[in-house]
Amino acid sequence: MESTIGNGCFQLIDRIAESKGKDIHIVDLYTVPTWLPPMSCDPMLSLPDDAPLKEAVVIPIWTPGHYQLCVLKPAQRVILCLDSKCAETPHGFGAQTYKSLLREIACRIIPGKWTEKTGLDLLGFPGQPYGNDCGIFMLMSALYIVLDAPFDYTILDMAELRKWWCVMLMENFRLEQHGKLFAHYAEESKAFLRGEQQPVFRLRKRRFEEISQEEPFHVQVDETDLFTPEFASKKQVVQSPRKVRVMTDLKTASQWCIENSRDLLGSVQLPGILCMEDEEAAEALEPLFCDEFSKDDLVEPLTFVFEFMQDMHAFLENVVDKMHLQIFCRTQN
């Protein structure tokens, strides 16, 4: 996710929070890196004078290859250091170069003792065991934290959430005023907004004014009519019953791995096909239903890879024997 896009999404989060009566401040994504050497800018210049009165001060953090988030809650004197890869990161937060700086900012906002928490301390905090969706995780964490909403999404929702954010941006910003921001899909988006082209996934359109009238907050995706026949010639998606069954079983089995990750002895690599776009996933599945194919090569993107045999046996006992799912798995060796 490019930072200009991220700032646009954070602007929407700020407006949604305001419509809910939440007084927050979000720091610009491009500003935060200037706090570190060699620039070493004063972070307080990026914060409003009434920062101690804000319900939340949101600080998005970029470290090479990964987005993370810090949320300061002055009233509770709580520092939330949120990393979607907290389960596999020492201390639950990867941006350690910012840690002392974040503590300093908190004490300059309100002097005294602050409590530090990571995603490991939050009930149901969604983790990112695979994929490159850290930007979406950062946005969703910020949105749910500032609205005090319980986490109700997982990594299996990332494809839909990406589309949800795209619709949010297109619905709430004029493309003419943000040409560079939306240049990579401007023409298709304009046609979509004019009603001349149907989307493959019909996401519920959500202006922030509409969200302000809904309680409690949660992201809604309209799962009816997921495949649009008139759009099929331009964009193929996984649609046959057999393909749907394969993908559904993979996602259900992946959810079991996520929910039981703390009980496993080692790591598990989830199927690579779950990170693919719709067209790429459909292409990867197509040969499986042909009469002749090299099984070992084709099933690898659909395979769960376990570090320990004992974990794989527990996995098979639950997802195959009890849940009757059709999956492929192996150990690393």
Protein backbone atom coordinates (compact mmCIF):
# COMPACT_ATOMS: atom_id res chain seq x y z
CA MET A 1 0.00 0.00 0.00
CA GLU A 2 1.39 3.37 -1.04
CA SER A 3 1.43 5.99 1.72
CA THR A 4 -0.71 8.49 -0.20
CA ILE A 5 -3.44 5.84 -0.42
CA GLY A 6 -2.91 5.11 3.27
CA ASN A 7 -3.33 8.77 4.18
CA GLY A 8 -6.59 8.87 2.19
CA CYS A 9 -7.87 5.88 4.16
CA PHE A 10 -6.81 7.45 7.45
CA GLN A 11 -8.65 10.62 6.47
CA LEU A 12 -11.80 8.52 6.15
CA ILE A 13 -11.13 6.90 9.54
CA ASP A 14 -10.82 10.36 11.07
CA ARG A 15 -14.14 11.44 9.54
CA ILE A 16 -15.86 8.22 10.61
CA ALA A 17 -14.58 8.68 14.17
CA GLU A 18 -15.75 12.30 14.18
CA SER A 19 -19.20 11.25 13.02
CA LYS A 20 -19.30 8.83 15.97
CA GLY A 21 -18.40 11.60 18.43
CA LYS A 22 -14.78 10.48 18.76
CA ASP A 23 -12.13 13.21 18.96
CA ILE A 24 -8.93 11.73 17.58
CA HIS A 25 -5.78 12.81 15.77
CA ILE A 26 -3.97 10.80 13.08
CA VAL A 27 -0.37 11.59 12.17
CA ASP A 28 0.53 11.73 8.47
CA LEU A 29 2.27 8.60 7.19
CA TYR A 30 5.00 10.68 5.57
CA THR A 31 5.69 12.58 8.79
CA VAL A 32 6.47 9.73 11.19
CA PRO A 33 9.80 8.64 9.57
CA THR A 34 11.12 12.21 9.96
CA TRP A 35 11.16 11.70 13.72
CA LEU A 36 14.11 9.32 13.37
CA PRO A 37 17.72 10.24 12.51
CA PRO A 38 19.10 11.83 10.45
CA MET A 39 16.20 14.34 10.44
CA SER A 40 15.23 13.82 14.10
CA CYS A 41 12.27 16.22 13.90
CA ASP A 42 10.38 17.01 17.09
CA PRO A 43 7.28 14.73 17.12
CA MET A 44 5.33 17.27 19.17
CA LEU A 45 5.29 19.61 16.16
CA SER A 46 3.12 16.99 14.44
CA LEU A 47 0.59 16.87 17.27
CA PRO A 48 -2.15 19.37 18.13
CA ASP A 49 -1.94 21.49 21.27
CA ASP A 50 -4.95 19.66 22.70
CA ALA A 51 -3.35 16.21 22.26
CA PRO A 52 -3.87 15.43 26.00
CA LEU A 53 -7.63 15.81 25.45
CA LYS A 54 -7.83 13.52 22.42
CA GLU A 55 -9.46 10.15 22.83
CA ALA A 56 -6.75 8.65 20.65
CA VAL A 57 -3.57 9.75 18.91
CA VAL A 58 -2.98 7.38 15.98
CA ILE A 59 0.59 6.96 14.73
CA PRO A 60 1.01 4.80 11.61
CA ILE A 61 4.51 3.37 11.34
CA TRP A 62 6.40 2.09 8.32
CA THR A 63 9.51 -0.01 8.70
CA PRO A 64 11.13 -1.57 5.61
CA GLY A 65 8.64 -4.08 4.25
CA HIS A 66 6.04 -3.76 6.99
CA TYR A 67 3.33 -1.42 8.34
CA GLN A 68 2.59 -1.23 12.06
CA LEU A 69 0.55 1.03 14.30
CA CYS A 70 0.77 2.87 17.60
CA VAL A 71 -2.32 4.29 19.29
CA LEU A 72 -1.92 6.52 22.33
CA LYS A 73 -4.95 6.83 24.63
CA PRO A 74 -4.20 9.79 26.93
CA ALA A 75 -7.25 9.39 29.17
CA GLN A 76 -6.30 5.81 30.04
CA ARG A 77 -2.55 6.45 29.71
CA VAL A 78 -2.25 3.41 27.46
CA ILE A 79 0.22 2.88 24.63
CA LEU A 80 -1.00 0.31 22.09
CA CYS A 81 1.82 -1.01 19.89
CA LEU A 82 0.05 -3.06 17.26
CA ASP A 83 1.76 -5.38 14.80
CA SER A 84 -0.19 -7.83 12.63
CA LYS A 85 2.79 -10.20 12.97
CA CYS A 86 2.91 -9.90 16.76
CA ALA A 87 2.72 -13.68 17.24
CA GLU A 88 6.04 -14.19 15.46
CA THR A 89 7.75 -10.94 16.51
CA PRO A 90 9.90 -10.53 19.64
CA HIS A 91 8.04 -8.48 22.26
CA GLY A 92 4.94 -8.50 19.99
CA PHE A 93 6.02 -5.38 18.09
CA GLY A 94 8.53 -5.15 15.28
CA ALA A 95 9.18 -1.40 15.19
CA GLN A 96 11.58 -1.41 18.13
CA THR A 97 13.47 1.61 16.71
CA TYR A 98 10.35 3.66 17.51
CA LYS A 99 9.62 2.15 20.94
CA SER A 100 11.57 4.60 23.11
CA LEU A 101 10.38 7.51 20.98
CA LEU A 102 6.74 6.48 21.42
CA ARG A 103 7.21 6.30 25.17
CA GLU A 104 8.76 9.77 25.15
CA ILE A 105 5.84 11.18 23.12
CA ALA A 106 3.34 9.67 25.54
CA CYS A 107 5.08 11.21 28.56
CA ARG A 108 5.31 14.57 26.84
CA ILE A 109 1.56 14.49 26.18
CA ILE A 110 0.77 13.56 29.79
CA PRO A 111 3.68 13.09 32.22
CA GLY A 112 3.60 9.99 34.35
CA LYS A 113 3.39 6.24 34.05
CA TRP A 114 1.78 4.72 30.94
CA THR A 115 0.74 1.10 30.38
CA GLU A 116 2.08 -0.57 27.26
CA LYS A 117 0.13 -3.25 25.38
CA THR A 118 0.61 -5.17 22.14
CA GLY A 119 -1.74 -7.20 19.98
CA LEU A 120 -0.95 -10.19 22.19
CA ASP A 121 -2.77 -8.43 25.03
CA LEU A 122 -5.93 -7.64 23.04
CA LEU A 123 -8.79 -10.13 22.84
CA GLY A 124 -9.24 -11.47 19.33
CA PHE A 125 -6.56 -9.27 17.76
CA PRO A 126 -6.25 -10.51 14.14
CA GLY A 127 -2.83 -11.82 13.16
CA GLN A 128 -1.10 -12.02 9.79
CA PRO A 129 0.49 -15.48 9.49
CA TYR A 130 1.09 -15.02 5.75
CA GLY A 131 0.60 -12.61 2.84
CA ASN A 132 1.39 -8.96 2.21
CA ASP A 133 -1.69 -7.34 3.75
CA CYS A 134 0.05 -5.47 6.59
CA GLY A 135 -1.30 -2.14 5.28
CA ILE A 136 -4.89 -3.35 5.45
CA PHE A 137 -4.28 -4.80 8.91
CA MET A 138 -2.92 -1.42 10.03
CA LEU A 139 -5.99 0.42 8.70
CA MET A 140 -8.45 -2.04 10.20
CA SER A 141 -6.67 -2.00 13.57
CA ALA A 142 -6.84 1.79 13.65
CA LEU A 143 -10.51 1.83 12.66
CA TYR A 144 -11.59 -0.73 15.24
CA ILE A 145 -9.43 0.67 18.06
CA VAL A 146 -10.65 4.26 17.71
CA LEU A 147 -14.26 3.06 17.56
CA ASP A 148 -13.76 0.66 20.51
CA ALA A 149 -15.22 -2.11 18.36
CA PRO A 150 -14.51 -5.83 18.92
CA PHE A 151 -12.33 -7.40 16.25
CA ASP A 152 -14.47 -9.46 13.89
CA TYR A 153 -12.23 -9.97 10.86
CA THR A 154 -9.32 -12.29 10.01
CA ILE A 155 -6.72 -12.64 7.30
CA LEU A 156 -9.27 -14.61 5.27
CA ASP A 157 -11.24 -11.37 4.81
CA MET A 158 -8.34 -9.40 3.32
CA ALA A 159 -9.37 -9.70 -0.34
CA GLU A 160 -12.85 -8.39 0.45
CA LEU A 161 -11.50 -5.67 2.75
CA ARG A 162 -9.15 -4.40 0.03
CA LYS A 163 -12.16 -3.96 -2.26
CA TRP A 164 -14.14 -2.39 0.60
CA TRP A 165 -11.47 0.27 1.09
CA CYS A 166 -11.33 0.92 -2.66
CA VAL A 167 -15.08 1.52 -2.72
CA MET A 168 -14.81 3.73 0.36
CA LEU A 169 -12.15 5.85 -1.33
CA MET A 170 -14.06 6.10 -4.61
CA GLU A 171 -17.33 6.94 -2.87
CA ASN A 172 -15.88 9.67 -0.66
CA PHE A 173 -13.27 11.33 -2.85
CA ARG A 174 -13.72 12.94 -6.22
CA LEU A 175 -11.45 11.28 -8.75
CA GLU A 176 -10.95 14.58 -10.57
CA GLN A 177 -9.31 16.07 -7.49
CA HIS A 178 -7.16 13.05 -6.74
CA GLY A 179 -5.90 12.12 -10.20
CA LYS A 180 -2.51 10.91 -9.07
CA LEU A 181 -3.98 9.08 -6.11
CA PHE A 182 -6.30 6.96 -8.23
CA ALA A 183 -4.50 7.06 -11.59
CA HIS A 184 -3.91 3.31 -11.71
CA TYR A 185 -7.63 2.50 -11.88
CA ALA A 186 -9.24 5.86 -12.63
CA GLU A 187 -11.02 4.93 -15.87
CA GLU A 188 -12.40 1.65 -14.56
CA SER A 189 -13.47 3.34 -11.33
CA LYS A 190 -15.25 6.16 -13.15
CA ALA A 191 -17.15 3.64 -15.26
CA PHE A 192 -18.03 1.72 -12.10
CA LEU A 193 -19.32 4.83 -10.34
CA ARG A 194 -21.38 5.82 -13.41
CA GLY A 195 -23.05 2.43 -13.29
CA GLU A 196 -21.64 1.40 -16.67
CA GLN A 197 -19.66 -1.52 -15.28
CA GLN A 198 -20.55 -4.05 -12.62
CA PRO A 199 -17.99 -5.13 -10.00
CA VAL A 200 -17.17 -8.78 -9.45
CA PHE A 201 -17.64 -8.33 -5.71
CA ARG A 202 -20.58 -6.13 -4.86
CA LEU A 203 -19.42 -4.42 -1.70
CA ARG A 204 -21.81 -2.33 0.25
CA LYS A 205 -21.12 1.34 -0.48
CA ARG A 206 -20.39 3.15 2.75
CA ARG A 207 -20.05 6.89 2.93
CA PHE A 208 -18.93 8.05 6.34
CA GLU A 209 -22.31 9.78 6.78
CA GLU A 210 -24.01 6.38 6.52
CA ILE A 211 -21.59 4.76 8.95
CA SER A 212 -22.30 7.48 11.51
CA GLN A 213 -25.92 6.32 11.68
CA GLU A 214 -25.08 2.66 12.36
CA GLU A 215 -24.41 1.04 15.73
CA PRO A 216 -22.41 -1.00 16.44
CA PHE A 217 -19.78 -0.58 13.75
CA HIS A 218 -18.73 -3.52 11.62
CA VAL A 219 -17.65 -3.99 8.04
CA GLN A 220 -20.37 -5.52 5.89
CA VAL A 221 -19.77 -7.30 2.62
CA ASP A 222 -22.76 -8.26 0.50
CA GLU A 223 -22.08 -11.91 -0.26
CA THR A 224 -25.04 -12.28 -2.62
CA ASP A 225 -24.42 -12.33 -6.34
CA LEU A 226 -20.65 -12.56 -5.94
CA PHE A 227 -20.23 -13.44 -9.59
CA THR A 228 -21.67 -11.15 -12.23
CA PRO A 229 -22.21 -12.96 -15.59
CA GLU A 230 -22.13 -9.79 -17.69
CA PHE A 231 -18.67 -9.01 -16.33
CA ALA A 232 -17.30 -12.52 -16.82
CA SER A 233 -15.73 -11.88 -20.19
CA LYS A 234 -13.43 -9.26 -18.67
CA LYS A 235 -12.56 -10.89 -15.36
CA GLN A 236 -12.83 -14.57 -14.49
CA VAL A 237 -13.24 -15.59 -10.86
CA VAL A 238 -13.44 -18.89 -9.02
CA GLN A 239 -17.06 -19.90 -9.65
CA SER A 240 -17.62 -23.61 -10.32
CA PRO A 241 -19.02 -25.61 -7.38
CA ARG A 242 -15.90 -27.76 -7.21
CA LYS A 243 -13.60 -24.75 -7.16
CA VAL A 244 -15.75 -23.02 -4.57
CA ARG A 245 -15.61 -26.17 -2.42
CA VAL A 246 -11.81 -26.27 -2.64
CA MET A 247 -11.42 -22.60 -1.68
CA THR A 248 -14.02 -22.84 1.09
CA ASP A 249 -12.30 -25.86 2.62
CA LEU A 250 -8.90 -24.15 2.44
CA LYS A 251 -10.20 -21.02 4.16
CA THR A 252 -11.99 -23.03 6.85
CA ALA A 253 -8.88 -25.11 7.51
CA SER A 254 -6.74 -21.95 7.57
CA GLN A 255 -9.09 -20.47 10.14
CA TRP A 256 -8.54 -23.54 12.33
CA CYS A 257 -4.76 -23.00 12.08
CA ILE A 258 -5.11 -19.35 13.04
CA GLU A 259 -7.39 -20.05 16.00
CA ASN A 260 -5.19 -22.88 17.29
CA SER A 261 -1.77 -21.39 16.49
CA ARG A 262 -0.82 -21.06 20.15
CA ASP A 263 -1.45 -24.78 20.72
CA LEU A 264 0.83 -25.87 17.88
CA LEU A 265 4.40 -26.89 18.62
CA GLY A 266 5.84 -25.20 15.56
CA SER A 267 5.00 -23.05 12.58
CA VAL A 268 2.58 -23.78 9.78
CA GLN A 269 2.73 -22.31 6.29
CA LEU A 270 -0.77 -21.72 4.93
CA PRO A 271 -1.61 -22.40 1.24
CA GLY A 272 -0.14 -19.84 -1.13
CA ILE A 273 -3.32 -19.74 -3.20
CA LEU A 274 -5.00 -17.78 -0.41
CA CYS A 275 -2.71 -14.83 -1.23
CA MET A 276 -3.56 -14.90 -4.94
CA GLU A 277 -5.92 -12.58 -6.76
CA ASP A 278 -9.16 -14.12 -8.06
CA GLU A 279 -7.93 -14.64 -11.62
CA GLU A 280 -4.62 -16.17 -10.50
CA ALA A 281 -6.40 -18.50 -8.06
CA ALA A 282 -8.82 -19.63 -10.77
CA GLU A 283 -5.89 -20.35 -13.09
CA ALA A 284 -4.11 -22.33 -10.37
CA LEU A 285 -7.20 -24.46 -9.75
CA GLU A 286 -8.11 -25.14 -13.38
CA PRO A 287 -5.57 -27.94 -14.03
CA LEU A 288 -6.73 -29.86 -10.96
CA PHE A 289 -9.95 -30.72 -12.77
CA CYS A 290 -8.27 -31.89 -15.96
CA ASP A 291 -7.79 -35.58 -16.76
CA GLU A 292 -4.01 -35.37 -16.84
CA PHE A 293 -1.87 -33.31 -14.49
CA SER A 294 1.30 -33.55 -12.44
CA LYS A 295 -0.25 -33.73 -9.01
CA ASP A 296 2.77 -32.82 -6.88
CA ASP A 297 3.44 -29.56 -8.71
CA LEU A 298 -0.17 -28.44 -8.90
CA VAL A 299 -1.23 -29.10 -5.32
CA GLU A 300 1.72 -27.20 -3.78
CA PRO A 301 -0.14 -23.82 -3.79
CA LEU A 302 -3.00 -25.59 -1.97
CA THR A 303 -0.81 -27.34 0.61
CA PHE A 304 -0.46 -26.69 4.34
CA VAL A 305 3.17 -27.16 5.38
CA PHE A 306 3.81 -28.04 9.03
CA GLU A 307 7.09 -27.86 10.90
CA PHE A 308 6.25 -30.83 13.11
CA MET A 309 4.50 -34.11 12.32
CA GLN A 310 2.56 -33.96 15.60
CA ASP A 311 0.95 -30.67 14.56
CA MET A 312 -0.03 -32.13 11.19
CA HIS A 313 -1.66 -35.12 12.87
CA ALA A 314 -3.71 -32.82 15.12
CA PHE A 315 -4.65 -30.77 12.05
CA LEU A 316 -5.80 -33.86 10.12
CA GLU A 317 -7.73 -35.19 13.09
CA ASN A 318 -9.73 -31.99 13.36
CA VAL A 319 -10.20 -30.64 9.83
CA VAL A 320 -10.42 -33.99 7.98
CA ASP A 321 -11.80 -36.50 10.48
CA LYS A 322 -14.14 -34.15 12.35
CA MET A 323 -14.87 -31.33 9.88
CA HIS A 324 -14.68 -33.52 6.74
CA LEU A 325 -12.69 -30.98 4.74
CA GLN A 326 -10.70 -31.86 1.64
CA ILE A 327 -7.17 -30.49 2.02
CA PHE A 328 -3.52 -31.18 1.15
CA CYS A 329 -0.77 -31.07 3.75
CA ARG A 330 2.79 -32.19 4.40
CA THR A 331 5.69 -31.56 6.76
CA GLN A 332 8.75 -29.47 5.90
CA ASN A 333 11.01 -32.51 5.60
